[in-house]
Structure formats: C-alpha cells, structure tokens
Amino acid sequence: MEHERILHILDYLTRFTNEKKEVTVRDIQAHLSAQYALHDVSALTIRRDIDRLIASGYDVSIRHGAHNTAYYSLTTNGFTFNEIRFLVDSVSINRFLTDKQKKTLIRKFEVLCSEEEVRQLVSRIMLNSRTAPQTDLLDNLEKVHRIIAEKRKIQFDYGKYDTNGQISYYHKTRNLMPCTVIYFNERFYLRCIDDETGNLRTYRVDRMKHITAGEKGKRKQILPKPEGAVLDMFDPEGYERVVLRVKRFLLDDLMEQFGAFADAHPDPQPDWVQVHVRVGICKSFFRWLMKYGADAELLQPESLRERMKQYLLETLAHYKTNTN
C-alpha cells in the first residue's frame, strides 16, 4: 500500500502541477481520499512520501507561503514540455505508424504532462491521413535491432508493388549480415553485408515481413564511410568533385543536402551561384539534378557533363513521339 500511495502522489503531481501551478498537502489528501479511498493519510506521511520522491531524483519544488503552508509542484519529468511536444509532433506526422499506434504512443507522453499541458498537446495534433502501412514498423525495427545486436544473419520476405497497385511479398534464402538502420528521406532502411561476397545491400524496413534470425555471421558488421555526399541509399559507382551552376534561390536547398562536402562560389551572373561538391555518382545523381530543370547546370567534370547531356537527350526523345 505504501508504494501504491507514493505512485498515486507522483501521478497527481505530474498531472496537476507544473512551474506555474502548485498544490498543498491538503490538496493531496483530498485527491487520495476522493480517487483511491485513502481517507486517513496524515500530513506527515505525505511529506515523507514527497521526500522519498525527491531522494529518488524527482524534481519536486517546495515553496513556503503564508502561515507556513508548503506548496508543491513537479517542475520536470525528465523532459521539458517543449521536448514532449516535439516528440508528439514527430509521432503524429510519421507516415509509417497507424492511427492506433500513434494514439497509443501519444498517450504515453501525456502521462508526463499536467492536464493543462495535455490540452495544449491535443490542440496541436493532426494525425496523418495517408494510406495505412502494410507492416508493423515498430515491430520490424525491434526485430531488426535485436538481430543486429546478436550478430546473426537475417531472413525476411520482401515486398514490391505489382502492376495491380498491390505490394507482393516474395521469399528467398538470404546470406546477409544486418549492420545498421538508417533514416533517409522519411524512410527506414536496413544496410546489410553479403556474408560471402562482402557486397552491400539495402532494404526498406517497412517492406519486410516474417523477419527471423539465422546463424552467426562470419563478417564484421562494419560499413564503409561515404567519401562524399550521397543522394539516395544505394551505393554509388564512385565519388567525384563536381561543379554545379544553380539559380541562387536553390542554394539553401543544395547546401543543406550536401552539408560539409560542399562550398559555394560566386558566378558571373548575379542570379546564379556555383556549388562545388564531392558527391556519389550513379543514375540517381542525374535524376536528382534533372528535377531542377533549367535552374541547374552541371559544369564539371566534362565526362559527367556529357553523361548528363545524353540522359537529357534520351528524355527529350520520349516527347518527340506522338502518343495518339
């Protein structure tokens, strides 16, 4: 009963107090009596329970007011309210969680807030209305991380869209050592090493089903570090130092994508700027560059400029044919 009483007091302080709202011993006594039928808890017992909470690391503030009345509040729960709100917003916009999973997670954050703060959380939440995910992402991530920690090979069915707009799953024996999970462009990817060849493989975690652990692997779970900026999750052919000429309004976007691998230089035209960057080269690099249309130009090296020109000519050829 003693431990339950302390938890009831902690729950009351969590939900009904904050830096601006305090309660007295009498308030706590009234709550215990009304909610849990604990009618005979003395003021001394409550003060001792609060001392135990403080000794356990809870940041309970005590302010002495008129007539030697003590006012109590729980000023922090390990998270600030803004931190909790950020976590709740992150959960609410996650497109891989079902509405039910989002609501369950958000309720767990709500118990860390006062009732006033909970109302502020609710007023901000807009649950994602995208199509529900096909798999349980949280369950998949838990299984994947456990297999990585156990240093075992991984087996799973993998899904891809078919021509009917449905995800079809297929199974095959895989000889893969899972290495790490990476969050990239709003998706979770698993990077693996083929235990025999050492080749790198990449899979979307949300497209996996029936994940199981295999035998212990031979290779160490160490991935090579990228030598430049990467634009997708797949391994580039190699890395090149390239010079891009882009409209100035694109500079923020490019510098954020390239990070420390890029630097900006002035261009003779005031509305343009040049970006020098070491970047991974593969087909996705050229597709990425084409999305900027006439607002971006690949200047150097000349070999990549020629490849870019060929991709653009091939694209243009599609539109020279009459489809009627």
C-alpha atoms as a PDB file:
ATOM      1  CA  MET A   1       0.000   0.000   0.000  1.00  0.00           C
ATOM      2  CA  GLU A   2       2.883   2.373   0.794  1.00  0.00           C
ATOM      3  CA  HIS A   3       4.384   2.017  -2.687  1.00  0.00           C
ATOM      4  CA  GLU A   4       0.980   2.459  -4.341  1.00  0.00           C
ATOM      5  CA  ARG A   5       0.366   5.637  -2.317  1.00  0.00           C
ATOM      6  CA  ILE A   6       3.675   7.134  -3.421  1.00  0.00           C
ATOM      7  CA  LEU A   7       2.829   6.355  -7.061  1.00  0.00           C
ATOM      8  CA  HIS A   8      -0.591   7.987  -6.618  1.00  0.00           C
ATOM      9  CA  ILE A   9       1.090  11.118  -5.251  1.00  0.00           C
ATOM     10  CA  LEU A  10       3.600  11.151  -8.117  1.00  0.00           C
ATOM     11  CA  ASP A  11       0.783  10.778 -10.651  1.00  0.00           C
ATOM     12  CA  TYR A  12      -1.123  13.656  -9.012  1.00  0.00           C
ATOM     13  CA  LEU A  13       1.909  15.949  -9.015  1.00  0.00           C
ATOM     14  CA  THR A  14       2.600  15.041 -12.647  1.00  0.00           C
ATOM     15  CA  ARG A  15      -0.930  15.726 -13.900  1.00  0.00           C
ATOM     16  CA  PHE A  16      -1.944  18.679 -11.751  1.00  0.00           C
ATOM     17  CA  THR A  17       1.223  20.688 -11.130  1.00  0.00           C
ATOM     18  CA  ASN A  18       3.876  22.487 -13.140  1.00  0.00           C
ATOM     19  CA  GLU A  19       6.097  25.530 -12.791  1.00  0.00           C
ATOM     20  CA  LYS A  20       3.027  27.786 -12.579  1.00  0.00           C
ATOM     21  CA  LYS A  21       0.602  25.591 -10.623  1.00  0.00           C
ATOM     22  CA  GLU A  22       1.214  24.263  -7.103  1.00  0.00           C
ATOM     23  CA  VAL A  23      -0.720  22.111  -4.607  1.00  0.00           C
ATOM     24  CA  THR A  24      -0.732  21.768  -0.834  1.00  0.00           C
ATOM     25  CA  VAL A  25      -0.725  18.730   1.438  1.00  0.00           C
ATOM     26  CA  ARG A  26      -4.476  19.222   1.911  1.00  0.00           C
ATOM     27  CA  ASP A  27      -4.977  19.096  -1.861  1.00  0.00           C
ATOM     28  CA  ILE A  28      -3.070  15.813  -1.998  1.00  0.00           C
ATOM     29  CA  GLN A  29      -5.056  14.385   0.921  1.00  0.00           C
ATOM     30  CA  ALA A  30      -8.333  15.307  -0.773  1.00  0.00           C
ATOM     31  CA  HIS A  31      -7.200  13.663  -4.033  1.00  0.00           C
ATOM     32  CA  LEU A  32      -6.134  10.422  -2.304  1.00  0.00           C
ATOM     33  CA  SER A  33      -9.434  10.292  -0.440  1.00  0.00           C
ATOM     34  CA  ALA A  34     -11.635  11.009  -3.457  1.00  0.00           C
ATOM     35  CA  GLN A  35      -9.832   8.872  -6.029  1.00  0.00           C
ATOM     36  CA  TYR A  36      -8.407   5.956  -4.039  1.00  0.00           C
ATOM     37  CA  ALA A  37     -10.429   5.871  -0.771  1.00  0.00           C
ATOM     38  CA  LEU A  38      -7.290   6.646   1.240  1.00  0.00           C
ATOM     39  CA  HIS A  39      -9.064   8.699   3.897  1.00  0.00           C
ATOM     40  CA  ASP A  40      -6.611   8.695   6.800  1.00  0.00           C
ATOM     41  CA  VAL A  41      -3.265   9.667   5.257  1.00  0.00           C
ATOM     42  CA  SER A  42      -1.578  12.116   7.594  1.00  0.00           C
ATOM     43  CA  ALA A  43       0.213  15.292   6.526  1.00  0.00           C
ATOM     44  CA  LEU A  44       3.456  13.871   7.935  1.00  0.00           C
ATOM     45  CA  THR A  45       3.119  10.735   5.790  1.00  0.00           C
ATOM     46  CA  ILE A  46       2.587  12.787   2.644  1.00  0.00           C
ATOM     47  CA  ARG A  47       5.608  14.980   3.398  1.00  0.00           C
ATOM     48  CA  ARG A  48       7.736  11.851   3.917  1.00  0.00           C
ATOM     49  CA  ASP A  49       6.473  10.385   0.634  1.00  0.00           C
ATOM     50  CA  ILE A  50       7.427  13.612  -1.161  1.00  0.00           C
ATOM     51  CA  ASP A  51      10.886  13.473   0.455  1.00  0.00           C
ATOM     52  CA  ARG A  52      11.256   9.931  -0.947  1.00  0.00           C
ATOM     53  CA  LEU A  53      10.335  11.142  -4.408  1.00  0.00           C
ATOM     54  CA  ILE A  54      12.954  13.878  -4.158  1.00  0.00           C
ATOM     55  CA  ALA A  55      15.553  11.353  -2.952  1.00  0.00           C
ATOM     56  CA  SER A  56      14.673   9.171  -5.960  1.00  0.00           C
ATOM     57  CA  GLY A  57      15.560  12.013  -8.332  1.00  0.00           C
ATOM     58  CA  TYR A  58      12.195  13.656  -8.993  1.00  0.00           C
ATOM     59  CA  ASP A  59      12.432  17.437  -9.212  1.00  0.00           C
ATOM     60  CA  VAL A  60       9.718  18.355  -6.694  1.00  0.00           C
ATOM     61  CA  SER A  61       9.781  22.043  -5.839  1.00  0.00           C
ATOM     62  CA  ILE A  62       8.705  23.188  -2.370  1.00  0.00           C
ATOM     63  CA  ARG A  63       7.694  26.783  -1.711  1.00  0.00           C
ATOM     64  CA  HIS A  64       6.733  28.029   1.738  1.00  0.00           C
ATOM     65  CA  GLY A  65       3.935  30.573   1.793  1.00  0.00           C
ATOM     66  CA  ALA A  66       1.820  32.362   4.382  1.00  0.00           C
ATOM     67  CA  HIS A  67       1.080  30.616   7.681  1.00  0.00           C
ATOM     68  CA  ASN A  68       3.959  28.217   6.971  1.00  0.00           C
ATOM     69  CA  THR A  69       1.914  26.492   4.263  1.00  0.00           C
ATOM     70  CA  ALA A  70       4.056  24.420   1.888  1.00  0.00           C
ATOM     71  CA  TYR A  71       3.252  24.432  -1.846  1.00  0.00           C
ATOM     72  CA  TYR A  72       4.481  21.563  -4.018  1.00  0.00           C
ATOM     73  CA  SER A  73       4.993  21.172  -7.743  1.00  0.00           C
ATOM     74  CA  LEU A  74       6.764  18.732 -10.037  1.00  0.00           C
ATOM     75  CA  THR A  75       8.828  21.046 -12.205  1.00  0.00           C
ATOM     76  CA  THR A  76      10.304  18.474 -14.592  1.00  0.00           C
ATOM     77  CA  ASN A  77       9.697  14.844 -15.530  1.00  0.00           C
ATOM     78  CA  GLY A  78      12.974  14.276 -17.352  1.00  0.00           C
ATOM     79  CA  PHE A  79      11.545  16.056 -20.413  1.00  0.00           C
ATOM     80  CA  THR A  80      10.566  19.686 -20.753  1.00  0.00           C
ATOM     81  CA  PHE A  81       7.099  20.329 -22.148  1.00  0.00           C
ATOM     82  CA  ASN A  82       8.574  21.644 -25.413  1.00  0.00           C
ATOM     83  CA  GLU A  83      10.599  18.427 -25.757  1.00  0.00           C
ATOM     84  CA  ILE A  84       7.473  16.317 -25.196  1.00  0.00           C
ATOM     85  CA  ARG A  85       5.538  18.433 -27.699  1.00  0.00           C
ATOM     86  CA  PHE A  86       8.305  17.944 -30.273  1.00  0.00           C
ATOM     87  CA  LEU A  87       8.227  14.161 -29.740  1.00  0.00           C
ATOM     88  CA  VAL A  88       4.436  14.095 -30.012  1.00  0.00           C
ATOM     89  CA  ASP A  89       4.504  16.114 -33.226  1.00  0.00           C
ATOM     90  CA  SER A  90       7.155  13.760 -34.624  1.00  0.00           C
ATOM     91  CA  VAL A  91       4.957  10.765 -33.851  1.00  0.00           C
ATOM     92  CA  SER A  92       1.816  12.378 -35.263  1.00  0.00           C
ATOM     93  CA  ILE A  93       3.372  13.077 -38.690  1.00  0.00           C
ATOM     94  CA  ASN A  94       5.097   9.690 -39.018  1.00  0.00           C
ATOM     95  CA  ARG A  95       3.539   8.042 -42.059  1.00  0.00           C
ATOM     96  CA  PHE A  96       4.685   4.539 -41.109  1.00  0.00           C
ATOM     97  CA  LEU A  97       2.618   4.363 -37.918  1.00  0.00           C
ATOM     98  CA  THR A  98      -1.067   3.508 -37.893  1.00  0.00           C
ATOM     99  CA  ASP A  99      -3.501   5.892 -36.205  1.00  0.00           C
ATOM    100  CA  LYS A 100      -3.869   3.386 -33.371  1.00  0.00           C
ATOM    101  CA  GLN A 101      -0.092   3.209 -32.809  1.00  0.00           C
ATOM    102  CA  LYS A 102       0.160   6.989 -32.856  1.00  0.00           C
ATOM    103  CA  LYS A 103      -2.601   7.406 -30.296  1.00  0.00           C
ATOM    104  CA  THR A 104      -1.032   4.764 -28.036  1.00  0.00           C
ATOM    105  CA  LEU A 105       2.380   6.451 -28.132  1.00  0.00           C
ATOM    106  CA  ILE A 106       0.918   9.902 -27.596  1.00  0.00           C
ATOM    107  CA  ARG A 107      -0.987   8.716 -24.526  1.00  0.00           C
ATOM    108  CA  LYS A 108       2.314   7.538 -23.028  1.00  0.00           C
ATOM    109  CA  PHE A 109       3.714  11.032 -23.446  1.00  0.00           C
ATOM    110  CA  GLU A 110       0.567  12.569 -21.976  1.00  0.00           C
ATOM    111  CA  VAL A 111       1.164  10.927 -18.577  1.00  0.00           C
ATOM    112  CA  LEU A 112       4.336  13.033 -18.319  1.00  0.00           C
ATOM    113  CA  CYS A 113       2.313  16.245 -18.609  1.00  0.00           C
ATOM    114  CA  SER A 114      -0.074  18.181 -16.449  1.00  0.00           C
ATOM    115  CA  GLU A 115      -3.726  18.257 -17.539  1.00  0.00           C
ATOM    116  CA  GLU A 116      -3.258  21.833 -18.773  1.00  0.00           C
ATOM    117  CA  GLU A 117      -0.275  20.742 -20.877  1.00  0.00           C
ATOM    118  CA  VAL A 118      -2.201  17.738 -22.232  1.00  0.00           C
ATOM    119  CA  ARG A 119      -4.835  20.113 -23.604  1.00  0.00           C
ATOM    120  CA  GLN A 120      -2.065  22.011 -25.395  1.00  0.00           C
ATOM    121  CA  LEU A 121      -0.763  18.769 -26.890  1.00  0.00           C
ATOM    122  CA  VAL A 122      -4.178  17.709 -28.134  1.00  0.00           C
ATOM    123  CA  SER A 123      -4.791  21.063 -29.781  1.00  0.00           C
ATOM    124  CA  ARG A 124      -1.636  20.599 -31.894  1.00  0.00           C
ATOM    125  CA  ILE A 125      -2.050  17.003 -33.006  1.00  0.00           C
ATOM    126  CA  MET A 126      -3.095  16.271 -36.585  1.00  0.00           C
ATOM    127  CA  LEU A 127      -2.941  12.548 -37.275  1.00  0.00           C
ATOM    128  CA  ASN A 128      -1.584  11.522 -40.649  1.00  0.00           C
ATOM    129  CA  SER A 129      -4.351  10.523 -43.061  1.00  0.00           C
ATOM    130  CA  ARG A 130      -2.132   8.722 -45.570  1.00  0.00           C
ATOM    131  CA  THR A 131      -2.775   5.125 -46.512  1.00  0.00           C
ATOM    132  CA  ALA A 132      -2.177   2.808 -43.551  1.00  0.00           C
ATOM    133  CA  PRO A 133       1.176   0.981 -43.659  1.00  0.00           C
ATOM    134  CA  GLN A 134       1.225  -2.652 -44.745  1.00  0.00           C
ATOM    135  CA  THR A 135       3.520  -3.779 -41.914  1.00  0.00           C
ATOM    136  CA  ASP A 136       4.112  -3.013 -38.238  1.00  0.00           C
ATOM    137  CA  LEU A 137       7.151  -0.759 -38.445  1.00  0.00           C
ATOM    138  CA  LEU A 138       7.807  -0.690 -34.699  1.00  0.00           C
ATOM    139  CA  ASP A 139       7.768  -4.480 -34.539  1.00  0.00           C
ATOM    140  CA  ASN A 140      10.041  -4.716 -37.590  1.00  0.00           C
ATOM    141  CA  LEU A 141      12.538  -2.258 -36.111  1.00  0.00           C
ATOM    142  CA  GLU A 142      12.588  -4.145 -32.792  1.00  0.00           C
ATOM    143  CA  LYS A 143      13.332  -7.447 -34.561  1.00  0.00           C
ATOM    144  CA  VAL A 144      15.986  -5.911 -36.808  1.00  0.00           C
ATOM    145  CA  HIS A 145      17.816  -4.205 -33.930  1.00  0.00           C
ATOM    146  CA  ARG A 146      17.749  -7.414 -31.882  1.00  0.00           C
ATOM    147  CA  ILE A 147      19.245  -9.447 -34.752  1.00  0.00           C
ATOM    148  CA  ILE A 148      21.943  -6.800 -35.278  1.00  0.00           C
ATOM    149  CA  ALA A 149      22.820  -6.920 -31.554  1.00  0.00           C
ATOM    150  CA  GLU A 150      23.003 -10.731 -31.658  1.00  0.00           C
ATOM    151  CA  LYS A 151      25.326 -10.561 -34.702  1.00  0.00           C
ATOM    152  CA  ARG A 152      23.226 -13.044 -36.631  1.00  0.00           C
ATOM    153  CA  LYS A 153      22.187 -13.279 -40.254  1.00  0.00           C
ATOM    154  CA  ILE A 154      18.711 -12.077 -41.171  1.00  0.00           C
ATOM    155  CA  GLN A 155      15.922 -13.675 -43.168  1.00  0.00           C
ATOM    156  CA  PHE A 156      12.736 -11.976 -44.334  1.00  0.00           C
ATOM    157  CA  ASP A 157      10.116 -11.726 -47.054  1.00  0.00           C
ATOM    158  CA  TYR A 158      10.410  -8.549 -49.104  1.00  0.00           C
ATOM    159  CA  GLY A 159       7.623  -6.635 -50.816  1.00  0.00           C
ATOM    160  CA  LYS A 160       7.389  -4.616 -54.012  1.00  0.00           C
ATOM    161  CA  TYR A 161       4.445  -3.072 -55.826  1.00  0.00           C
ATOM    162  CA  ASP A 162       2.989  -5.077 -58.698  1.00  0.00           C
ATOM    163  CA  THR A 163       1.100  -3.775 -61.732  1.00  0.00           C
ATOM    164  CA  ASN A 164      -2.193  -4.029 -59.821  1.00  0.00           C
ATOM    165  CA  GLY A 165      -1.008  -1.453 -57.306  1.00  0.00           C
ATOM    166  CA  GLN A 166      -0.618  -4.069 -54.554  1.00  0.00           C
ATOM    167  CA  ILE A 167       2.522  -4.986 -52.614  1.00  0.00           C
ATOM    168  CA  SER A 168       3.551  -8.556 -53.369  1.00  0.00           C
ATOM    169  CA  TYR A 169       5.935 -10.306 -50.979  1.00  0.00           C
ATOM    170  CA  TYR A 170       8.452 -12.921 -52.020  1.00  0.00           C
ATOM    171  CA  HIS A 171      10.790 -15.140 -50.026  1.00  0.00           C
ATOM    172  CA  LYS A 172      14.272 -16.350 -50.830  1.00  0.00           C
ATOM    173  CA  THR A 173      17.208 -17.540 -48.756  1.00  0.00           C
ATOM    174  CA  ARG A 174      19.452 -14.608 -47.932  1.00  0.00           C
ATOM    175  CA  ASN A 175      23.054 -14.694 -46.770  1.00  0.00           C
ATOM    176  CA  LEU A 176      23.030 -11.239 -45.205  1.00  0.00           C
ATOM    177  CA  MET A 177      24.591  -9.718 -42.108  1.00  0.00           C
ATOM    178  CA  PRO A 178      22.471  -6.742 -40.969  1.00  0.00           C
ATOM    179  CA  CYS A 179      24.644  -3.780 -39.991  1.00  0.00           C
ATOM    180  CA  THR A 180      22.617  -0.678 -39.239  1.00  0.00           C
ATOM    181  CA  VAL A 181      19.277   1.044 -39.706  1.00  0.00           C
ATOM    182  CA  ILE A 182      19.387   4.437 -41.412  1.00  0.00           C
ATOM    183  CA  TYR A 183      16.575   7.014 -41.625  1.00  0.00           C
ATOM    184  CA  PHE A 184      16.761   8.690 -45.030  1.00  0.00           C
ATOM    185  CA  ASN A 185      14.134  10.742 -46.883  1.00  0.00           C
ATOM    186  CA  GLU A 186      11.346   9.784 -44.453  1.00  0.00           C
ATOM    187  CA  ARG A 187      12.065   6.053 -44.736  1.00  0.00           C
ATOM    188  CA  PHE A 188      13.870   3.474 -42.611  1.00  0.00           C
ATOM    189  CA  TYR A 189      16.473   1.397 -44.449  1.00  0.00           C
ATOM    190  CA  LEU A 190      18.461  -1.639 -43.355  1.00  0.00           C
ATOM    191  CA  ARG A 191      22.037  -1.777 -44.626  1.00  0.00           C
ATOM    192  CA  CYS A 192      23.430  -5.294 -44.904  1.00  0.00           C
ATOM    193  CA  ILE A 193      26.641  -7.006 -45.996  1.00  0.00           C
ATOM    194  CA  ASP A 194      26.543 -10.227 -48.011  1.00  0.00           C
ATOM    195  CA  ASP A 195      28.353 -12.663 -45.728  1.00  0.00           C
ATOM    196  CA  GLU A 196      30.106 -14.385 -48.652  1.00  0.00           C
ATOM    197  CA  THR A 197      30.878 -11.625 -51.167  1.00  0.00           C
ATOM    198  CA  GLY A 198      31.042  -8.557 -48.901  1.00  0.00           C
ATOM    199  CA  ASN A 199      28.690  -6.638 -51.238  1.00  0.00           C
ATOM    200  CA  LEU A 200      26.411  -4.048 -49.657  1.00  0.00           C
ATOM    201  CA  ARG A 201      22.637  -4.443 -49.854  1.00  0.00           C
ATOM    202  CA  THR A 202      19.862  -2.050 -48.833  1.00  0.00           C
ATOM    203  CA  TYR A 203      16.242  -2.799 -47.931  1.00  0.00           C
ATOM    204  CA  ARG A 204      13.293  -0.765 -46.691  1.00  0.00           C
ATOM    205  CA  VAL A 205      12.315  -1.894 -43.216  1.00  0.00           C
ATOM    206  CA  ASP A 206       8.625  -1.165 -43.812  1.00  0.00           C
ATOM    207  CA  ARG A 207       8.638  -3.589 -46.774  1.00  0.00           C
ATOM    208  CA  MET A 208       9.776  -6.575 -44.681  1.00  0.00           C
ATOM    209  CA  LYS A 209       7.647  -9.383 -43.305  1.00  0.00           C
ATOM    210  CA  HIS A 210       8.341 -12.586 -41.357  1.00  0.00           C
ATOM    211  CA  ILE A 211      11.718 -11.361 -40.083  1.00  0.00           C
ATOM    212  CA  THR A 212      13.765 -14.100 -38.414  1.00  0.00           C
ATOM    213  CA  ALA A 213      17.325 -14.531 -37.180  1.00  0.00           C
ATOM    214  CA  GLY A 214      19.692 -17.030 -38.760  1.00  0.00           C
ATOM    215  CA  GLU A 215      23.081 -18.381 -37.812  1.00  0.00           C
ATOM    216  CA  LYS A 216      26.015 -16.349 -36.602  1.00  0.00           C
ATOM    217  CA  GLY A 217      27.772 -14.485 -39.396  1.00  0.00           C
ATOM    218  CA  LYS A 218      31.415 -14.543 -40.413  1.00  0.00           C
ATOM    219  CA  ARG A 219      31.932 -10.904 -41.329  1.00  0.00           C
ATOM    220  CA  LYS A 220      32.125  -7.919 -39.012  1.00  0.00           C
ATOM    221  CA  GLN A 221      29.150  -5.560 -39.156  1.00  0.00           C
ATOM    222  CA  ILE A 222      31.221  -2.590 -40.352  1.00  0.00           C
ATOM    223  CA  LEU A 223      30.093  -0.381 -43.213  1.00  0.00           C
ATOM    224  CA  PRO A 224      32.448   1.819 -45.243  1.00  0.00           C
ATOM    225  CA  LYS A 225      32.080   5.524 -44.578  1.00  0.00           C
ATOM    226  CA  PRO A 226      30.882   7.651 -47.512  1.00  0.00           C
ATOM    227  CA  GLU A 227      33.586   9.679 -49.229  1.00  0.00           C
ATOM    228  CA  GLY A 228      31.188  12.453 -50.202  1.00  0.00           C
ATOM    229  CA  ALA A 229      27.554  13.498 -50.230  1.00  0.00           C
ATOM    230  CA  VAL A 230      25.029  10.789 -51.099  1.00  0.00           C
ATOM    231  CA  LEU A 231      21.642  11.413 -52.668  1.00  0.00           C
ATOM    232  CA  ASP A 232      19.981   8.064 -52.013  1.00  0.00           C
ATOM    233  CA  MET A 233      20.527   4.877 -50.027  1.00  0.00           C
ATOM    234  CA  PHE A 234      22.209   2.891 -52.781  1.00  0.00           C
ATOM    235  CA  ASP A 235      25.923   2.598 -53.346  1.00  0.00           C
ATOM    236  CA  PRO A 236      27.403   4.994 -55.934  1.00  0.00           C
ATOM    237  CA  GLU A 237      29.727   3.932 -58.733  1.00  0.00           C
ATOM    238  CA  GLY A 238      32.301   6.232 -57.196  1.00  0.00           C
ATOM    239  CA  TYR A 239      32.806   9.768 -55.911  1.00  0.00           C
ATOM    240  CA  GLU A 240      33.618  12.857 -57.991  1.00  0.00           C
ATOM    241  CA  ARG A 241      34.277  16.520 -57.317  1.00  0.00           C
ATOM    242  CA  VAL A 242      31.616  18.299 -59.382  1.00  0.00           C
ATOM    243  CA  VAL A 243      30.789  21.916 -60.093  1.00  0.00           C
ATOM    244  CA  LEU A 244      27.128  22.857 -60.308  1.00  0.00           C
ATOM    245  CA  ARG A 245      25.735  26.178 -61.518  1.00  0.00           C
ATOM    246  CA  VAL A 246      22.314  26.857 -59.996  1.00  0.00           C
ATOM    247  CA  LYS A 247      19.872  29.687 -59.514  1.00  0.00           C
ATOM    248  CA  ARG A 248      20.613  31.472 -56.249  1.00  0.00           C
ATOM    249  CA  PHE A 249      17.256  30.554 -54.694  1.00  0.00           C
ATOM    250  CA  LEU A 250      18.341  26.893 -54.782  1.00  0.00           C
ATOM    251  CA  LEU A 251      21.476  27.490 -52.710  1.00  0.00           C
ATOM    252  CA  ASP A 252      19.866  26.781 -49.315  1.00  0.00           C
ATOM    253  CA  ASP A 253      18.402  23.520 -50.565  1.00  0.00           C
ATOM    254  CA  LEU A 254      21.694  22.284 -52.020  1.00  0.00           C
ATOM    255  CA  MET A 255      23.873  23.296 -49.080  1.00  0.00           C
ATOM    256  CA  GLU A 256      21.523  21.503 -46.675  1.00  0.00           C
ATOM    257  CA  GLN A 257      21.614  18.349 -48.785  1.00  0.00           C
ATOM    258  CA  PHE A 258      25.383  18.335 -49.289  1.00  0.00           C
ATOM    259  CA  GLY A 259      26.458  19.578 -45.865  1.00  0.00           C
ATOM    260  CA  ALA A 260      30.183  19.752 -45.178  1.00  0.00           C
ATOM    261  CA  PHE A 261      31.031  18.203 -48.548  1.00  0.00           C
ATOM    262  CA  ALA A 262      30.056  21.391 -50.433  1.00  0.00           C
ATOM    263  CA  ASP A 263      31.077  25.026 -50.655  1.00  0.00           C
ATOM    264  CA  ALA A 264      29.554  27.915 -52.600  1.00  0.00           C
ATOM    265  CA  HIS A 265      31.252  30.299 -55.026  1.00  0.00           C
ATOM    266  CA  PRO A 266      30.036  33.388 -56.903  1.00  0.00           C
ATOM    267  CA  ASP A 267      29.001  33.138 -60.539  1.00  0.00           C
ATOM    268  CA  PRO A 268      29.441  35.876 -63.162  1.00  0.00           C
ATOM    269  CA  GLN A 269      25.653  36.169 -63.337  1.00  0.00           C
ATOM    270  CA  PRO A 270      24.235  37.729 -60.110  1.00  0.00           C
ATOM    271  CA  ASP A 271      21.148  35.471 -60.087  1.00  0.00           C
ATOM    272  CA  TRP A 272      23.297  32.361 -60.204  1.00  0.00           C
ATOM    273  CA  VAL A 273      25.800  30.686 -57.880  1.00  0.00           C
ATOM    274  CA  GLN A 274      28.267  27.836 -58.258  1.00  0.00           C
ATOM    275  CA  VAL A 275      28.399  24.909 -55.842  1.00  0.00           C
ATOM    276  CA  HIS A 276      31.484  22.708 -55.609  1.00  0.00           C
ATOM    277  CA  VAL A 277      30.765  19.347 -54.019  1.00  0.00           C
ATOM    278  CA  ARG A 278      32.221  15.860 -53.719  1.00  0.00           C
ATOM    279  CA  VAL A 279      29.271  13.583 -54.396  1.00  0.00           C
ATOM    280  CA  GLY A 280      28.469   9.934 -55.102  1.00  0.00           C
ATOM    281  CA  ILE A 281      27.819   9.326 -58.803  1.00  0.00           C
ATOM    282  CA  CYS A 282      25.169   6.948 -60.110  1.00  0.00           C
ATOM    283  CA  LYS A 283      21.983   7.214 -62.162  1.00  0.00           C
ATOM    284  CA  SER A 284      20.138   8.719 -59.215  1.00  0.00           C
ATOM    285  CA  PHE A 285      22.555  11.681 -59.260  1.00  0.00           C
ATOM    286  CA  PHE A 286      21.456  12.597 -62.779  1.00  0.00           C
ATOM    287  CA  ARG A 287      17.782  12.034 -61.955  1.00  0.00           C
ATOM    288  CA  TRP A 288      18.200  14.262 -58.913  1.00  0.00           C
ATOM    289  CA  LEU A 289      19.793  17.015 -60.989  1.00  0.00           C
ATOM    290  CA  MET A 290      17.108  16.838 -63.682  1.00  0.00           C
ATOM    291  CA  LYS A 291      14.374  17.690 -61.172  1.00  0.00           C
ATOM    292  CA  TYR A 292      15.727  21.254 -61.063  1.00  0.00           C
ATOM    293  CA  GLY A 293      15.227  21.639 -64.842  1.00  0.00           C
ATOM    294  CA  ALA A 294      16.733  24.755 -66.393  1.00  0.00           C
ATOM    295  CA  ASP A 295      17.555  26.174 -62.947  1.00  0.00           C
ATOM    296  CA  ALA A 296      20.631  23.938 -62.610  1.00  0.00           C
ATOM    297  CA  GLU A 297      23.590  23.078 -64.828  1.00  0.00           C
ATOM    298  CA  LEU A 298      26.421  20.570 -64.419  1.00  0.00           C
ATOM    299  CA  LEU A 299      29.615  22.367 -65.423  1.00  0.00           C
ATOM    300  CA  GLN A 300      32.413  19.979 -64.461  1.00  0.00           C
ATOM    301  CA  PRO A 301      33.876  17.433 -64.899  1.00  0.00           C
ATOM    302  CA  GLU A 302      33.363  17.247 -68.643  1.00  0.00           C
ATOM    303  CA  SER A 303      32.809  13.465 -68.610  1.00  0.00           C
ATOM    304  CA  LEU A 304      29.823  13.802 -66.273  1.00  0.00           C
ATOM    305  CA  ARG A 305      28.525  16.782 -68.248  1.00  0.00           C
ATOM    306  CA  GLU A 306      28.472  14.542 -71.347  1.00  0.00           C
ATOM    307  CA  ARG A 307      26.599  11.799 -69.455  1.00  0.00           C
ATOM    308  CA  MET A 308      24.095  14.388 -68.287  1.00  0.00           C
ATOM    309  CA  LYS A 309      23.629  15.580 -71.863  1.00  0.00           C
ATOM    310  CA  GLN A 310      22.912  12.006 -73.010  1.00  0.00           C
ATOM    311  CA  TYR A 311      20.299  11.468 -70.292  1.00  0.00           C
ATOM    312  CA  LEU A 312      18.601  14.722 -71.290  1.00  0.00           C
ATOM    313  CA  LEU A 313      18.581  13.740 -74.988  1.00  0.00           C
ATOM    314  CA  GLU A 314      17.088  10.343 -74.125  1.00  0.00           C
ATOM    315  CA  THR A 315      14.424  12.061 -72.059  1.00  0.00           C
ATOM    316  CA  LEU A 316      13.674  14.526 -74.853  1.00  0.00           C
ATOM    317  CA  ALA A 317      13.268  11.641 -77.308  1.00  0.00           C
ATOM    318  CA  HIS A 318      10.251  10.375 -75.366  1.00  0.00           C
ATOM    319  CA  TYR A 319       8.442  13.629 -76.082  1.00  0.00           C
ATOM    320  CA  LYS A 320       9.237  13.709 -79.800  1.00  0.00           C
ATOM    321  CA  THR A 321       6.990  10.714 -80.390  1.00  0.00           C
ATOM    322  CA  ASN A 322       3.280  11.307 -80.963  1.00  0.00           C
ATOM    323  CA  THR A 323       1.356   9.160 -78.450  1.00  0.00           C
ATOM    324  CA  ASN A 324      -2.036   9.479 -80.215  1.00  0.00           C
END
